[in-house]
mmCIF file of all heavy atoms, coordinates in Angstrom:
data_MODEL
# 
_entry.id   MODEL 
# 
loop_
_atom_site.group_PDB 
_atom_site.id 
_atom_site.type_symbol 
_atom_site.label_atom_id 
_atom_site.label_alt_id 
_atom_site.label_comp_id 
_atom_site.label_asym_id 
_atom_site.label_entity_id 
_atom_site.label_seq_id 
_atom_site.pdbx_PDB_ins_code 
_atom_site.Cartn_x 
_atom_site.Cartn_y 
_atom_site.Cartn_z 
_atom_site.occupancy 
_atom_site.B_iso_or_equiv 
_atom_site.pdbx_formal_charge 
_atom_site.auth_seq_id 
_atom_site.auth_comp_id 
_atom_site.auth_asym_id 
_atom_site.auth_atom_id 
_atom_site.pdbx_PDB_model_num 
ATOM 1   N N   . ASN A 1 1  ? -6.133  1.252  7.332  1.00 0.00 ? 1  ASN A N   1 
ATOM 2   C CA  . ASN A 1 1  ? -6.314  1.299  5.888  1.00 0.00 ? 1  ASN A CA  1 
ATOM 3   C C   . ASN A 1 1  ? -7.600  2.064  5.564  1.00 0.00 ? 1  ASN A C   1 
ATOM 4   O O   . ASN A 1 1  ? -8.355  2.432  6.452  1.00 0.00 ? 1  ASN A O   1 
ATOM 5   C CB  . ASN A 1 1  ? -6.377  -0.126 5.323  1.00 0.00 ? 1  ASN A CB  1 
ATOM 6   C CG  . ASN A 1 1  ? -5.106  -0.902 5.613  1.00 0.00 ? 1  ASN A CG  1 
ATOM 7   O OD1 . ASN A 1 1  ? -4.015  -0.334 5.668  1.00 0.00 ? 1  ASN A OD1 1 
ATOM 8   N ND2 . ASN A 1 1  ? -5.248  -2.203 5.813  1.00 0.00 ? 1  ASN A ND2 1 
ATOM 9   N N   . LYS A 1 2  ? -7.839  2.304  4.299  1.00 0.00 ? 2  LYS A N   1 
ATOM 10  C CA  . LYS A 1 2  ? -8.972  3.136  3.906  1.00 0.00 ? 2  LYS A CA  1 
ATOM 11  C C   . LYS A 1 2  ? -10.275 2.579  4.446  1.00 0.00 ? 2  LYS A C   1 
ATOM 12  O O   . LYS A 1 2  ? -10.646 1.428  4.200  1.00 0.00 ? 2  LYS A O   1 
ATOM 13  C CB  . LYS A 1 2  ? -9.043  3.234  2.382  1.00 0.00 ? 2  LYS A CB  1 
ATOM 14  C CG  . LYS A 1 2  ? -10.056 4.285  1.904  1.00 0.00 ? 2  LYS A CG  1 
ATOM 15  C CD  . LYS A 1 2  ? -9.970  4.488  0.410  1.00 0.00 ? 2  LYS A CD  1 
ATOM 16  C CE  . LYS A 1 2  ? -10.945 5.583  -0.027 1.00 0.00 ? 2  LYS A CE  1 
ATOM 17  N NZ  . LYS A 1 2  ? -10.870 5.843  -1.487 1.00 0.00 ? 2  LYS A NZ  1 
ATOM 18  N N   . THR A 1 3  ? -10.977 3.414  5.199  1.00 0.00 ? 3  THR A N   1 
ATOM 19  C CA  . THR A 1 3  ? -12.221 2.989  5.840  1.00 0.00 ? 3  THR A CA  1 
ATOM 20  C C   . THR A 1 3  ? -13.017 4.222  6.252  1.00 0.00 ? 3  THR A C   1 
ATOM 21  O O   . THR A 1 3  ? -12.579 5.353  6.042  1.00 0.00 ? 3  THR A O   1 
ATOM 22  C CB  . THR A 1 3  ? -11.916 2.119  7.086  1.00 0.00 ? 3  THR A CB  1 
ATOM 23  O OG1 . THR A 1 3  ? -13.148 1.628  7.625  1.00 0.00 ? 3  THR A OG1 1 
ATOM 24  C CG2 . THR A 1 3  ? -11.207 2.923  8.159  1.00 0.00 ? 3  THR A CG2 1 
ATOM 25  N N   . ASP A 1 4  ? -14.174 3.996  6.858  1.00 0.00 ? 4  ASP A N   1 
ATOM 26  C CA  . ASP A 1 4  ? -14.952 5.075  7.462  1.00 0.00 ? 4  ASP A CA  1 
ATOM 27  C C   . ASP A 1 4  ? -14.633 5.104  8.951  1.00 0.00 ? 4  ASP A C   1 
ATOM 28  O O   . ASP A 1 4  ? -14.671 4.073  9.627  1.00 0.00 ? 4  ASP A O   1 
ATOM 29  C CB  . ASP A 1 4  ? -16.445 4.854  7.268  1.00 0.00 ? 4  ASP A CB  1 
ATOM 30  C CG  . ASP A 1 4  ? -16.861 4.927  5.808  1.00 0.00 ? 4  ASP A CG  1 
ATOM 31  O OD1 . ASP A 1 4  ? -16.098 5.490  5.005  1.00 0.00 ? 4  ASP A OD1 1 
ATOM 32  O OD2 . ASP A 1 4  ? -17.933 4.392  5.469  1.00 0.00 ? 4  ASP A OD2 1 
ATOM 33  N N   . LEU A 1 5  ? -14.324 6.286  9.451  1.00 0.00 ? 5  LEU A N   1 
ATOM 34  C CA  . LEU A 1 5  ? -14.003 6.469  10.864 1.00 0.00 ? 5  LEU A CA  1 
ATOM 35  C C   . LEU A 1 5  ? -15.217 7.093  11.547 1.00 0.00 ? 5  LEU A C   1 
ATOM 36  O O   . LEU A 1 5  ? -15.692 8.153  11.136 1.00 0.00 ? 5  LEU A O   1 
ATOM 37  C CB  . LEU A 1 5  ? -12.775 7.370  11.002 1.00 0.00 ? 5  LEU A CB  1 
ATOM 38  C CG  . LEU A 1 5  ? -12.135 7.485  12.381 1.00 0.00 ? 5  LEU A CG  1 
ATOM 39  C CD1 . LEU A 1 5  ? -11.641 6.128  12.864 1.00 0.00 ? 5  LEU A CD1 1 
ATOM 40  C CD2 . LEU A 1 5  ? -10.966 8.473  12.331 1.00 0.00 ? 5  LEU A CD2 1 
ATOM 41  N N   . VAL A 1 6  ? -15.726 6.446  12.582 1.00 0.00 ? 6  VAL A N   1 
ATOM 42  C CA  . VAL A 1 6  ? -16.966 6.865  13.239 1.00 0.00 ? 6  VAL A CA  1 
ATOM 43  C C   . VAL A 1 6  ? -16.675 7.356  14.643 1.00 0.00 ? 6  VAL A C   1 
ATOM 44  O O   . VAL A 1 6  ? -15.933 6.716  15.397 1.00 0.00 ? 6  VAL A O   1 
ATOM 45  C CB  . VAL A 1 6  ? -17.978 5.702  13.310 1.00 0.00 ? 6  VAL A CB  1 
ATOM 46  C CG1 . VAL A 1 6  ? -19.287 6.164  13.943 1.00 0.00 ? 6  VAL A CG1 1 
ATOM 47  C CG2 . VAL A 1 6  ? -18.220 5.104  11.929 1.00 0.00 ? 6  VAL A CG2 1 
ATOM 48  N N   . CYS A 1 7  ? -17.275 8.489  15.000 1.00 0.00 ? 7  CYS A N   1 
ATOM 49  C CA  . CYS A 1 7  ? -17.246 8.986  16.371 1.00 0.00 ? 7  CYS A CA  1 
ATOM 50  C C   . CYS A 1 7  ? -18.659 8.908  16.930 1.00 0.00 ? 7  CYS A C   1 
ATOM 51  O O   . CYS A 1 7  ? -19.581 9.504  16.374 1.00 0.00 ? 7  CYS A O   1 
ATOM 52  C CB  . CYS A 1 7  ? -16.738 10.426 16.430 1.00 0.00 ? 7  CYS A CB  1 
ATOM 53  S SG  . CYS A 1 7  ? -16.726 11.112 18.114 1.00 0.00 ? 7  CYS A SG  1 
ATOM 54  N N   . ARG A 1 8  ? -18.822 8.182  18.029 1.00 0.00 ? 8  ARG A N   1 
ATOM 55  C CA  . ARG A 1 8  ? -20.148 8.009  18.619 1.00 0.00 ? 8  ARG A CA  1 
ATOM 56  C C   . ARG A 1 8  ? -20.149 8.536  20.052 1.00 0.00 ? 8  ARG A C   1 
ATOM 57  O O   . ARG A 1 8  ? -19.247 8.236  20.833 1.00 0.00 ? 8  ARG A O   1 
ATOM 58  C CB  . ARG A 1 8  ? -20.559 6.538  18.597 1.00 0.00 ? 8  ARG A CB  1 
ATOM 59  C CG  . ARG A 1 8  ? -21.994 6.289  19.069 1.00 0.00 ? 8  ARG A CG  1 
ATOM 60  C CD  . ARG A 1 8  ? -22.356 4.820  18.940 1.00 0.00 ? 8  ARG A CD  1 
ATOM 61  N NE  . ARG A 1 8  ? -22.256 4.351  17.584 1.00 0.00 ? 8  ARG A NE  1 
ATOM 62  C CZ  . ARG A 1 8  ? -23.188 4.522  16.646 1.00 0.00 ? 8  ARG A CZ  1 
ATOM 63  N NH1 . ARG A 1 8  ? -24.310 5.176  16.957 1.00 0.00 ? 8  ARG A NH1 1 
ATOM 64  N NH2 . ARG A 1 8  ? -23.024 4.066  15.433 1.00 0.00 ? 8  ARG A NH2 1 
ATOM 65  N N   . THR A 1 9  ? -21.147 9.334  20.374 1.00 0.00 ? 9  THR A N   1 
ATOM 66  C CA  . THR A 1 9  ? -21.351 9.814  21.733 1.00 0.00 ? 9  THR A CA  1 
ATOM 67  C C   . THR A 1 9  ? -22.701 9.315  22.227 1.00 0.00 ? 9  THR A C   1 
ATOM 68  O O   . THR A 1 9  ? -23.422 8.610  21.516 1.00 0.00 ? 9  THR A O   1 
ATOM 69  C CB  . THR A 1 9  ? -21.321 11.355 21.786 1.00 0.00 ? 9  THR A CB  1 
ATOM 70  O OG1 . THR A 1 9  ? -22.509 11.874 21.157 1.00 0.00 ? 9  THR A OG1 1 
ATOM 71  C CG2 . THR A 1 9  ? -20.093 11.914 21.092 1.00 0.00 ? 9  THR A CG2 1 
ATOM 72  N N   . ALA A 1 10 ? -23.076 9.699  23.436 1.00 0.00 ? 10 ALA A N   1 
ATOM 73  C CA  . ALA A 1 10 ? -24.360 9.265  23.976 1.00 0.00 ? 10 ALA A CA  1 
ATOM 74  C C   . ALA A 1 10 ? -25.530 9.894  23.237 1.00 0.00 ? 10 ALA A C   1 
ATOM 75  O O   . ALA A 1 10 ? -26.658 9.377  23.277 1.00 0.00 ? 10 ALA A O   1 
ATOM 76  C CB  . ALA A 1 10 ? -24.429 9.607  25.455 1.00 0.00 ? 10 ALA A CB  1 
ATOM 77  N N   . PHE A 1 11 ? -25.288 11.001 22.543 1.00 0.00 ? 11 PHE A N   1 
ATOM 78  C CA  . PHE A 1 11 ? -26.390 11.740 21.930 1.00 0.00 ? 11 PHE A CA  1 
ATOM 79  C C   . PHE A 1 11 ? -26.304 11.843 20.416 1.00 0.00 ? 11 PHE A C   1 
ATOM 80  O O   . PHE A 1 11 ? -27.291 12.174 19.758 1.00 0.00 ? 11 PHE A O   1 
ATOM 81  C CB  . PHE A 1 11 ? -26.451 13.161 22.516 1.00 0.00 ? 11 PHE A CB  1 
ATOM 82  C CG  . PHE A 1 11 ? -26.470 13.190 24.012 1.00 0.00 ? 11 PHE A CG  1 
ATOM 83  C CD1 . PHE A 1 11 ? -25.327 13.503 24.731 1.00 0.00 ? 11 PHE A CD1 1 
ATOM 84  C CD2 . PHE A 1 11 ? -27.626 12.884 24.710 1.00 0.00 ? 11 PHE A CD2 1 
ATOM 85  C CE1 . PHE A 1 11 ? -25.339 13.532 26.115 1.00 0.00 ? 11 PHE A CE1 1 
ATOM 86  C CE2 . PHE A 1 11 ? -27.647 12.905 26.095 1.00 0.00 ? 11 PHE A CE2 1 
ATOM 87  C CZ  . PHE A 1 11 ? -26.495 13.223 26.804 1.00 0.00 ? 11 PHE A CZ  1 
ATOM 88  N N   . ASP A 1 12 ? -25.143 11.557 19.831 1.00 0.00 ? 12 ASP A N   1 
ATOM 89  C CA  . ASP A 1 12 ? -24.979 11.804 18.403 1.00 0.00 ? 12 ASP A CA  1 
ATOM 90  C C   . ASP A 1 12 ? -23.807 10.977 17.883 1.00 0.00 ? 12 ASP A C   1 
ATOM 91  O O   . ASP A 1 12 ? -23.077 10.339 18.653 1.00 0.00 ? 12 ASP A O   1 
ATOM 92  C CB  . ASP A 1 12 ? -24.724 13.294 18.164 1.00 0.00 ? 12 ASP A CB  1 
ATOM 93  C CG  . ASP A 1 12 ? -25.013 13.715 16.731 1.00 0.00 ? 12 ASP A CG  1 
ATOM 94  O OD1 . ASP A 1 12 ? -25.451 12.853 15.947 1.00 0.00 ? 12 ASP A OD1 1 
ATOM 95  O OD2 . ASP A 1 12 ? -24.784 14.897 16.405 1.00 0.00 ? 12 ASP A OD2 1 
ATOM 96  N N   . SER A 1 13 ? -23.616 11.031 16.573 1.00 0.00 ? 13 SER A N   1 
ATOM 97  C CA  . SER A 1 13 ? -22.462 10.403 15.953 1.00 0.00 ? 13 SER A CA  1 
ATOM 98  C C   . SER A 1 13 ? -22.184 11.088 14.623 1.00 0.00 ? 13 SER A C   1 
ATOM 99  O O   . SER A 1 13 ? -23.080 11.696 14.032 1.00 0.00 ? 13 SER A O   1 
ATOM 100 C CB  . SER A 1 13 ? -22.694 8.909  15.732 1.00 0.00 ? 13 SER A CB  1 
ATOM 101 O OG  . SER A 1 13 ? -23.735 8.698  14.797 1.00 0.00 ? 13 SER A OG  1 
ATOM 102 N N   . PHE A 1 14 ? -20.958 11.022 14.171 1.00 0.00 ? 14 PHE A N   1 
ATOM 103 C CA  . PHE A 1 14 ? -20.621 11.518 12.842 1.00 0.00 ? 14 PHE A CA  1 
ATOM 104 C C   . PHE A 1 14 ? -19.554 10.633 12.237 1.00 0.00 ? 14 PHE A C   1 
ATOM 105 O O   . PHE A 1 14 ? -18.860 9.881  12.940 1.00 0.00 ? 14 PHE A O   1 
ATOM 106 C CB  . PHE A 1 14 ? -20.181 12.990 12.878 1.00 0.00 ? 14 PHE A CB  1 
ATOM 107 C CG  . PHE A 1 14 ? -18.911 13.244 13.631 1.00 0.00 ? 14 PHE A CG  1 
ATOM 108 C CD1 . PHE A 1 14 ? -17.677 13.165 13.004 1.00 0.00 ? 14 PHE A CD1 1 
ATOM 109 C CD2 . PHE A 1 14 ? -18.946 13.586 14.976 1.00 0.00 ? 14 PHE A CD2 1 
ATOM 110 C CE1 . PHE A 1 14 ? -16.504 13.416 13.704 1.00 0.00 ? 14 PHE A CE1 1 
ATOM 111 C CE2 . PHE A 1 14 ? -17.780 13.841 15.681 1.00 0.00 ? 14 PHE A CE2 1 
ATOM 112 C CZ  . PHE A 1 14 ? -16.559 13.759 15.045 1.00 0.00 ? 14 PHE A CZ  1 
ATOM 113 N N   . VAL A 1 15 ? -19.419 10.706 10.914 1.00 0.00 ? 15 VAL A N   1 
ATOM 114 C CA  . VAL A 1 15 ? -18.554 9.781  10.187 1.00 0.00 ? 15 VAL A CA  1 
ATOM 115 C C   . VAL A 1 15 ? -17.597 10.554 9.287  1.00 0.00 ? 15 VAL A C   1 
ATOM 116 O O   . VAL A 1 15 ? -17.990 11.510 8.610  1.00 0.00 ? 15 VAL A O   1 
ATOM 117 C CB  . VAL A 1 15 ? -19.402 8.818  9.320  1.00 0.00 ? 15 VAL A CB  1 
ATOM 118 C CG1 . VAL A 1 15 ? -18.494 7.831  8.584  1.00 0.00 ? 15 VAL A CG1 1 
ATOM 119 C CG2 . VAL A 1 15 ? -20.428 8.089  10.163 1.00 0.00 ? 15 VAL A CG2 1 
ATOM 120 N N   . ILE A 1 16 ? -16.338 10.138 9.296  1.00 0.00 ? 16 ILE A N   1 
ATOM 121 C CA  . ILE A 1 16 ? -15.348 10.609 8.325  1.00 0.00 ? 16 ILE A CA  1 
ATOM 122 C C   . ILE A 1 16 ? -15.190 9.484  7.310  1.00 0.00 ? 16 ILE A C   1 
ATOM 123 O O   . ILE A 1 16 ? -14.680 8.410  7.636  1.00 0.00 ? 16 ILE A O   1 
ATOM 124 C CB  . ILE A 1 16 ? -13.998 10.925 8.992  1.00 0.00 ? 16 ILE A CB  1 
ATOM 125 C CG1 . ILE A 1 16 ? -14.175 11.970 10.094 1.00 0.00 ? 16 ILE A CG1 1 
ATOM 126 C CG2 . ILE A 1 16 ? -12.991 11.406 7.958  1.00 0.00 ? 16 ILE A CG2 1 
ATOM 127 C CD1 . ILE A 1 16 ? -12.918 12.240 10.895 1.00 0.00 ? 16 ILE A CD1 1 
ATOM 128 N N   . THR A 1 17 ? -15.663 9.698  6.094  1.00 0.00 ? 17 THR A N   1 
ATOM 129 C CA  . THR A 1 17 ? -15.701 8.621  5.105  1.00 0.00 ? 17 THR A CA  1 
ATOM 130 C C   . THR A 1 17 ? -14.398 8.529  4.323  1.00 0.00 ? 17 THR A C   1 
ATOM 131 O O   . THR A 1 17 ? -13.713 9.524  4.084  1.00 0.00 ? 17 THR A O   1 
ATOM 132 C CB  . THR A 1 17 ? -16.863 8.832  4.123  1.00 0.00 ? 17 THR A CB  1 
ATOM 133 O OG1 . THR A 1 17 ? -16.702 10.089 3.461  1.00 0.00 ? 17 THR A OG1 1 
ATOM 134 C CG2 . THR A 1 17 ? -18.190 8.808  4.859  1.00 0.00 ? 17 THR A CG2 1 
ATOM 135 N N   . GLY A 1 18 ? -14.076 7.321  3.932  1.00 0.00 ? 18 GLY A N   1 
ATOM 136 C CA  . GLY A 1 18 ? -12.943 7.070  3.049  1.00 0.00 ? 18 GLY A CA  1 
ATOM 137 C C   . GLY A 1 18 ? -11.617 7.597  3.553  1.00 0.00 ? 18 GLY A C   1 
ATOM 138 O O   . GLY A 1 18 ? -10.833 8.136  2.767  1.00 0.00 ? 18 GLY A O   1 
ATOM 139 N N   . THR A 1 19 ? -11.352 7.453  4.818  1.00 0.00 ? 19 THR A N   1 
ATOM 140 C CA  . THR A 1 19 ? -10.109 7.988  5.363  1.00 0.00 ? 19 THR A CA  1 
ATOM 141 C C   . THR A 1 19 ? -9.111  6.867  5.651  1.00 0.00 ? 19 THR A C   1 
ATOM 142 O O   . THR A 1 19 ? -9.467  5.690  5.729  1.00 0.00 ? 19 THR A O   1 
ATOM 143 C CB  . THR A 1 19 ? -10.367 8.790  6.652  1.00 0.00 ? 19 THR A CB  1 
ATOM 144 O OG1 . THR A 1 19 ? -9.174  9.464  7.038  1.00 0.00 ? 19 THR A OG1 1 
ATOM 145 C CG2 . THR A 1 19 ? -10.794 7.870  7.789  1.00 0.00 ? 19 THR A CG2 1 
ATOM 146 N N   . SER A 1 20 ? -7.871  7.238  5.826  1.00 0.00 ? 20 SER A N   1 
ATOM 147 C CA  . SER A 1 20 ? -6.824  6.326  6.269  1.00 0.00 ? 20 SER A CA  1 
ATOM 148 C C   . SER A 1 20 ? -5.834  7.158  7.058  1.00 0.00 ? 20 SER A C   1 
ATOM 149 O O   . SER A 1 20 ? -5.834  8.385  6.995  1.00 0.00 ? 20 SER A O   1 
ATOM 150 C CB  . SER A 1 20 ? -6.139  5.645  5.082  1.00 0.00 ? 20 SER A CB  1 
ATOM 151 O OG  . SER A 1 20 ? -5.530  6.617  4.227  1.00 0.00 ? 20 SER A OG  1 
ATOM 152 N N   . GLY A 1 21 ? -4.995  6.512  7.832  1.00 0.00 ? 21 GLY A N   1 
ATOM 153 C CA  . GLY A 1 21 ? -4.038  7.272  8.621  1.00 0.00 ? 21 GLY A CA  1 
ATOM 154 C C   . GLY A 1 21 ? -3.439  6.449  9.734  1.00 0.00 ? 21 GLY A C   1 
ATOM 155 O O   . GLY A 1 21 ? -3.550  5.221  9.762  1.00 0.00 ? 21 GLY A O   1 
ATOM 156 N N   . THR A 1 22 ? -2.814  7.151  10.670 1.00 0.00 ? 22 THR A N   1 
ATOM 157 C CA  . THR A 1 22 ? -2.127  6.505  11.785 1.00 0.00 ? 22 THR A CA  1 
ATOM 158 C C   . THR A 1 22 ? -2.590  7.129  13.089 1.00 0.00 ? 22 THR A C   1 
ATOM 159 O O   . THR A 1 22 ? -2.661  8.357  13.211 1.00 0.00 ? 22 THR A O   1 
ATOM 160 C CB  . THR A 1 22 ? -0.598  6.665  11.658 1.00 0.00 ? 22 THR A CB  1 
ATOM 161 O OG1 . THR A 1 22 ? -0.170  6.076  10.426 1.00 0.00 ? 22 THR A OG1 1 
ATOM 162 C CG2 . THR A 1 22 ? 0.118   5.981  12.817 1.00 0.00 ? 22 THR A CG2 1 
ATOM 163 N N   . PHE A 1 23 ? -2.916  6.277  14.048 1.00 0.00 ? 23 PHE A N   1 
ATOM 164 C CA  . PHE A 1 23 ? -3.301  6.748  15.374 1.00 0.00 ? 23 PHE A CA  1 
ATOM 165 C C   . PHE A 1 23 ? -2.190  6.423  16.356 1.00 0.00 ? 23 PHE A C   1 
ATOM 166 O O   . PHE A 1 23 ? -1.672  5.306  16.391 1.00 0.00 ? 23 PHE A O   1 
ATOM 167 C CB  . PHE A 1 23 ? -4.605  6.096  15.823 1.00 0.00 ? 23 PHE A CB  1 
ATOM 168 C CG  . PHE A 1 23 ? -5.062  6.529  17.190 1.00 0.00 ? 23 PHE A CG  1 
ATOM 169 C CD1 . PHE A 1 23 ? -5.421  7.852  17.422 1.00 0.00 ? 23 PHE A CD1 1 
ATOM 170 C CD2 . PHE A 1 23 ? -5.137  5.630  18.243 1.00 0.00 ? 23 PHE A CD2 1 
ATOM 171 C CE1 . PHE A 1 23 ? -5.837  8.277  18.679 1.00 0.00 ? 23 PHE A CE1 1 
ATOM 172 C CE2 . PHE A 1 23 ? -5.555  6.036  19.500 1.00 0.00 ? 23 PHE A CE2 1 
ATOM 173 C CZ  . PHE A 1 23 ? -5.900  7.367  19.719 1.00 0.00 ? 23 PHE A CZ  1 
ATOM 174 N N   . LEU A 1 24 ? -1.811  7.421  17.173 1.00 0.00 ? 24 LEU A N   1 
ATOM 175 C CA  . LEU A 1 24 ? -0.789  7.261  18.200 1.00 0.00 ? 24 LEU A CA  1 
ATOM 176 C C   . LEU A 1 24 ? -1.480  7.292  19.560 1.00 0.00 ? 24 LEU A C   1 
ATOM 177 O O   . LEU A 1 24 ? -1.797  8.374  20.078 1.00 0.00 ? 24 LEU A O   1 
ATOM 178 C CB  . LEU A 1 24 ? 0.258   8.373  18.103 1.00 0.00 ? 24 LEU A CB  1 
ATOM 179 C CG  . LEU A 1 24 ? 0.937   8.557  16.739 1.00 0.00 ? 24 LEU A CG  1 
ATOM 180 C CD1 . LEU A 1 24 ? 1.878   9.759  16.770 1.00 0.00 ? 24 LEU A CD1 1 
ATOM 181 C CD2 . LEU A 1 24 ? 1.693   7.296  16.335 1.00 0.00 ? 24 LEU A CD2 1 
ATOM 182 N N   . PRO A 1 25 ? -1.774  6.143  20.160 1.00 0.00 ? 25 PRO A N   1 
ATOM 183 C CA  . PRO A 1 25 ? -2.537  6.100  21.415 1.00 0.00 ? 25 PRO A CA  1 
ATOM 184 C C   . PRO A 1 25 ? -1.897  6.879  22.557 1.00 0.00 ? 25 PRO A C   1 
ATOM 185 O O   . PRO A 1 25 ? -2.596  7.508  23.358 1.00 0.00 ? 25 PRO A O   1 
ATOM 186 C CB  . PRO A 1 25 ? -2.600  4.599  21.737 1.00 0.00 ? 25 PRO A CB  1 
ATOM 187 C CG  . PRO A 1 25 ? -2.415  3.923  20.432 1.00 0.00 ? 25 PRO A CG  1 
ATOM 188 C CD  . PRO A 1 25 ? -1.486  4.793  19.652 1.00 0.00 ? 25 PRO A CD  1 
ATOM 189 N N   . ALA A 1 26 ? -0.568  6.840  22.658 1.00 0.00 ? 26 ALA A N   1 
ATOM 190 C CA  . ALA A 1 26 ? 0.098   7.514  23.775 1.00 0.00 ? 26 ALA A CA  1 
ATOM 191 C C   . ALA A 1 26 ? -0.117  9.020  23.740 1.00 0.00 ? 26 ALA A C   1 
ATOM 192 O O   . ALA A 1 26 ? -0.086  9.688  24.777 1.00 0.00 ? 26 ALA A O   1 
ATOM 193 C CB  . ALA A 1 26 ? 1.593   7.198  23.759 1.00 0.00 ? 26 ALA A CB  1 
ATOM 194 N N   . LYS A 1 27 ? -0.362  9.560  22.539 1.00 0.00 ? 27 LYS A N   1 
ATOM 195 C CA  . LYS A 1 27 ? -0.564  11.003 22.380 1.00 0.00 ? 27 LYS A CA  1 
ATOM 196 C C   . LYS A 1 27 ? -2.004  11.349 22.036 1.00 0.00 ? 27 LYS A C   1 
ATOM 197 O O   . LYS A 1 27 ? -2.323  12.533 21.858 1.00 0.00 ? 27 LYS A O   1 
ATOM 198 C CB  . LYS A 1 27 ? 0.370   11.531 21.283 1.00 0.00 ? 27 LYS A CB  1 
ATOM 199 C CG  . LYS A 1 27 ? 1.848   11.309 21.563 1.00 0.00 ? 27 LYS A CG  1 
ATOM 200 C CD  . LYS A 1 27 ? 2.712   11.778 20.402 1.00 0.00 ? 27 LYS A CD  1 
ATOM 201 C CE  . LYS A 1 27 ? 4.193   11.523 20.681 1.00 0.00 ? 27 LYS A CE  1 
ATOM 202 N NZ  . LYS A 1 27 ? 5.044   11.919 19.529 1.00 0.00 ? 27 LYS A NZ  1 
# 
């Protein structure tokens, strides 16, 4: 549902704000 999606690495991070969608783990 609508949320902020965060990507975190060992050195940095960035945020996709106000997003929603579907994640397919197998792909």
